[in-house]
Amino acid sequence: MFSLLLWLDQKAVHFYNRYLEAHKRKVEKRRIVEAQQAADSLPDYLKRDMGISPSSRKPLKTIEVQRLPRIRWKK
């Protein structure tokens, strides 16, 4: 009985960590899209000064993604 509860607890931790990873990827994609939209809204002369070609959709720099808490199972 105890081993069944232990196994279920490990599975819950596993699925929670998978949820957090998916959430982190979703937040990162949203921030990249927001940065692309902000870069697109700049005037062409500012884009040239910052080293972005007017047709480029790349963000100026990499975006920091907030770290989400992870549950670690102690063996």
N, C-alpha and C. Protein backbone atom coordinates (compact mmCIF):
# COMPACT_ATOMS: atom_id res chain seq x y z
N MET A 1 0.83 -1.20 0.00
CA MET A 1 0.00 0.00 0.00
C MET A 1 0.87 1.25 0.00
N PHE A 2 1.89 1.22 0.86
CA PHE A 2 2.78 2.39 0.93
C PHE A 2 3.51 2.61 -0.39
N SER A 3 3.92 1.50 -1.03
CA SER A 3 4.64 1.65 -2.30
C SER A 3 3.73 2.23 -3.39
N LEU A 4 2.44 1.90 -3.33
CA LEU A 4 1.51 2.47 -4.29
C LEU A 4 1.38 3.98 -4.10
N LEU A 5 1.28 4.42 -2.85
CA LEU A 5 1.22 5.85 -2.57
C LEU A 5 2.50 6.55 -2.98
N LEU A 6 3.62 5.91 -2.76
CA LEU A 6 4.92 6.47 -3.15
C LEU A 6 4.98 6.62 -4.67
N TRP A 7 4.53 5.60 -5.38
CA TRP A 7 4.53 5.65 -6.84
C TRP A 7 3.62 6.76 -7.36
N LEU A 8 2.42 6.88 -6.77
CA LEU A 8 1.49 7.93 -7.19
C LEU A 8 2.08 9.32 -6.92
N ASP A 9 2.77 9.47 -5.81
CA ASP A 9 3.39 10.75 -5.48
C ASP A 9 4.48 11.09 -6.50
N GLN A 10 5.27 10.11 -6.87
CA GLN A 10 6.32 10.34 -7.88
C GLN A 10 5.70 10.74 -9.22
N LYS A 11 4.59 10.11 -9.59
CA LYS A 11 3.93 10.45 -10.85
C LYS A 11 3.38 11.88 -10.79
N ALA A 12 2.83 12.26 -9.65
CA ALA A 12 2.30 13.62 -9.51
C ALA A 12 3.42 14.65 -9.68
N VAL A 13 4.57 14.39 -9.09
CA VAL A 13 5.72 15.29 -9.23
C VAL A 13 6.17 15.35 -10.69
N HIS A 14 6.20 14.20 -11.35
CA HIS A 14 6.61 14.14 -12.75
C HIS A 14 5.69 14.99 -13.63
N PHE A 15 4.38 14.84 -13.47
CA PHE A 15 3.45 15.59 -14.30
C PHE A 15 3.44 17.07 -13.96
N TYR A 16 3.66 17.41 -12.70
CA TYR A 16 3.76 18.83 -12.32
C TYR A 16 4.97 19.47 -12.99
N ASN A 17 6.11 18.77 -13.00
CA ASN A 17 7.31 19.31 -13.64
C ASN A 17 7.11 19.45 -15.15
N ARG A 18 6.40 18.51 -15.77
CA ARG A 18 6.10 18.63 -17.21
C ARG A 18 5.22 19.84 -17.47
N TYR A 19 4.25 20.08 -16.60
CA TYR A 19 3.39 21.25 -16.74
C TYR A 19 4.21 22.53 -16.65
N LEU A 20 5.14 22.59 -15.69
CA LEU A 20 5.96 23.79 -15.53
C LEU A 20 6.84 24.04 -16.74
N GLU A 21 7.41 22.98 -17.32
CA GLU A 21 8.24 23.13 -18.51
C GLU A 21 7.41 23.66 -19.69
N ALA A 22 6.21 23.13 -19.86
CA ALA A 22 5.35 23.60 -20.95
C ALA A 22 4.96 25.06 -20.74
N HIS A 23 4.69 25.41 -19.49
CA HIS A 23 4.33 26.80 -19.18
C HIS A 23 5.50 27.73 -19.47
N LYS A 24 6.71 27.29 -19.13
CA LYS A 24 7.90 28.11 -19.38
C LYS A 24 8.09 28.35 -20.88
N ARG A 25 7.90 27.30 -21.68
CA ARG A 25 8.03 27.45 -23.14
C ARG A 25 6.98 28.41 -23.68
N LYS A 26 5.75 28.32 -23.17
CA LYS A 26 4.68 29.19 -23.63
C LYS A 26 4.98 30.65 -23.30
N VAL A 27 5.47 30.91 -22.08
CA VAL A 27 5.81 32.27 -21.68
C VAL A 27 6.95 32.81 -22.53
N GLU A 28 7.96 31.96 -22.80
CA GLU A 28 9.10 32.38 -23.62
C GLU A 28 8.64 32.75 -25.04
N LYS A 29 7.76 31.94 -25.63
CA LYS A 29 7.26 32.25 -26.97
C LYS A 29 6.49 33.56 -26.98
N ARG A 30 5.67 33.78 -25.94
CA ARG A 30 4.88 35.01 -25.88
C ARG A 30 5.79 36.23 -25.77
N ARG A 31 6.85 36.14 -24.97
CA ARG A 31 7.77 37.27 -24.82
C ARG A 31 8.53 37.54 -26.11
N ILE A 32 8.88 36.50 -26.84
CA ILE A 32 9.57 36.70 -28.12
C ILE A 32 8.65 37.39 -29.11
N VAL A 33 7.38 36.98 -29.15
CA VAL A 33 6.42 37.62 -30.05
C VAL A 33 6.24 39.08 -29.68
N GLU A 34 6.16 39.37 -28.36
CA GLU A 34 6.02 40.77 -27.93
C GLU A 34 7.25 41.59 -28.33
N ALA A 35 8.44 40.99 -28.21
CA ALA A 35 9.65 41.71 -28.60
C ALA A 35 9.68 41.95 -30.11
N GLN A 36 9.22 40.98 -30.89
CA GLN A 36 9.17 41.16 -32.34
C GLN A 36 8.18 42.26 -32.73
N GLN A 37 7.04 42.29 -32.06
CA GLN A 37 6.06 43.33 -32.36
C GLN A 37 6.60 44.71 -31.98
N ALA A 38 7.31 44.78 -30.86
CA ALA A 38 7.89 46.07 -30.45
C ALA A 38 8.96 46.51 -31.45
N ALA A 39 9.78 45.56 -31.93
CA ALA A 39 10.82 45.90 -32.91
C ALA A 39 10.19 46.32 -34.23
N ASP A 40 9.09 45.69 -34.60
CA ASP A 40 8.42 46.06 -35.86
C ASP A 40 7.81 47.45 -35.79
N SER A 41 7.41 47.88 -34.60
CA SER A 41 6.76 49.19 -34.49
C SER A 41 7.75 50.35 -34.47
N LEU A 42 9.05 50.06 -34.39
CA LEU A 42 10.05 51.13 -34.40
C LEU A 42 10.16 51.74 -35.79
N PRO A 43 10.48 53.02 -35.88
CA PRO A 43 10.73 53.62 -37.19
C PRO A 43 12.00 53.03 -37.83
N ASP A 44 12.07 53.09 -39.16
CA ASP A 44 13.19 52.50 -39.88
C ASP A 44 14.53 53.10 -39.49
N TYR A 45 14.59 54.41 -39.23
CA TYR A 45 15.88 55.02 -38.89
C TYR A 45 16.39 54.50 -37.54
N LEU A 46 15.49 54.20 -36.60
CA LEU A 46 15.93 53.63 -35.32
C LEU A 46 16.38 52.18 -35.50
N LYS A 47 15.71 51.46 -36.36
CA LYS A 47 16.11 50.08 -36.62
C LYS A 47 17.52 50.03 -37.20
N ARG A 48 17.82 50.95 -38.13
CA ARG A 48 19.17 50.98 -38.70
C ARG A 48 20.20 51.33 -37.64
N ASP A 49 19.87 52.28 -36.76
CA ASP A 49 20.82 52.67 -35.70
C ASP A 49 21.09 51.52 -34.73
N MET A 50 20.09 50.68 -34.51
CA MET A 50 20.25 49.56 -33.57
C MET A 50 20.79 48.31 -34.25
N GLY A 51 21.01 48.36 -35.53
CA GLY A 51 21.56 47.21 -36.23
C GLY A 51 20.53 46.19 -36.65
N ILE A 52 19.29 46.60 -36.76
CA ILE A 52 18.23 45.70 -37.21
C ILE A 52 17.84 46.13 -38.62
N SER A 53 17.81 45.19 -39.54
CA SER A 53 17.33 45.56 -40.87
C SER A 53 15.82 45.77 -40.79
N PRO A 54 15.27 46.68 -41.58
CA PRO A 54 13.83 46.96 -41.49
C PRO A 54 12.95 45.74 -41.71
N SER A 55 13.44 44.76 -42.45
CA SER A 55 12.61 43.57 -42.69
C SER A 55 12.86 42.47 -41.65
N SER A 56 13.83 42.67 -40.76
CA SER A 56 14.17 41.64 -39.78
C SER A 56 13.12 41.58 -38.69
N ARG A 57 12.81 40.36 -38.25
CA ARG A 57 11.85 40.18 -37.16
C ARG A 57 12.53 39.61 -35.92
N LYS A 58 13.85 39.67 -35.86
CA LYS A 58 14.55 39.12 -34.70
C LYS A 58 14.57 40.15 -33.58
N PRO A 59 14.41 39.70 -32.32
CA PRO A 59 14.51 40.64 -31.20
C PRO A 59 15.94 41.16 -31.06
N LEU A 60 16.09 42.28 -30.39
CA LEU A 60 17.40 42.90 -30.25
C LEU A 60 18.36 42.03 -29.47
N LYS A 61 17.88 41.40 -28.43
CA LYS A 61 18.74 40.55 -27.61
C LYS A 61 17.90 39.41 -27.06
N THR A 62 18.57 38.45 -26.46
CA THR A 62 17.82 37.33 -25.89
C THR A 62 17.00 37.80 -24.70
N ILE A 63 15.91 37.16 -24.50
CA ILE A 63 14.97 37.57 -23.46
C ILE A 63 15.11 36.62 -22.28
N GLU A 64 15.23 37.19 -21.09
CA GLU A 64 15.31 36.38 -19.88
C GLU A 64 13.93 35.80 -19.57
N VAL A 65 13.89 34.52 -19.32
CA VAL A 65 12.64 33.86 -18.97
C VAL A 65 12.67 33.58 -17.47
N GLN A 66 11.59 33.92 -16.81
CA GLN A 66 11.52 33.73 -15.37
C GLN A 66 11.60 32.24 -15.04
N ARG A 67 12.42 31.91 -14.05
CA ARG A 67 12.54 30.52 -13.61
C ARG A 67 11.33 30.13 -12.79
N LEU A 68 10.77 28.98 -13.09
CA LEU A 68 9.63 28.49 -12.34
C LEU A 68 10.10 27.47 -11.31
N PRO A 69 9.41 27.37 -10.19
CA PRO A 69 9.84 26.42 -9.17
C PRO A 69 9.66 24.99 -9.65
N ARG A 70 10.61 24.15 -9.30
CA ARG A 70 10.53 22.73 -9.64
C ARG A 70 10.50 21.93 -8.35
N ILE A 71 9.73 20.88 -8.35
CA ILE A 71 9.71 19.98 -7.20
C ILE A 71 10.70 18.86 -7.49
N ARG A 72 11.59 18.62 -6.59
CA ARG A 72 12.56 17.53 -6.73
C ARG A 72 12.17 16.41 -5.77
N TRP A 73 12.19 15.20 -6.27
CA TRP A 73 11.87 14.05 -5.44
C TRP A 73 13.15 13.58 -4.77
N LYS A 74 13.12 13.51 -3.46
CA LYS A 74 14.30 13.03 -2.72
C LYS A 74 14.23 11.52 -2.62
N LYS A 75 15.29 10.87 -3.06
CA LYS A 75 15.30 9.41 -3.04
C LYS A 75 15.86 8.90 -1.74
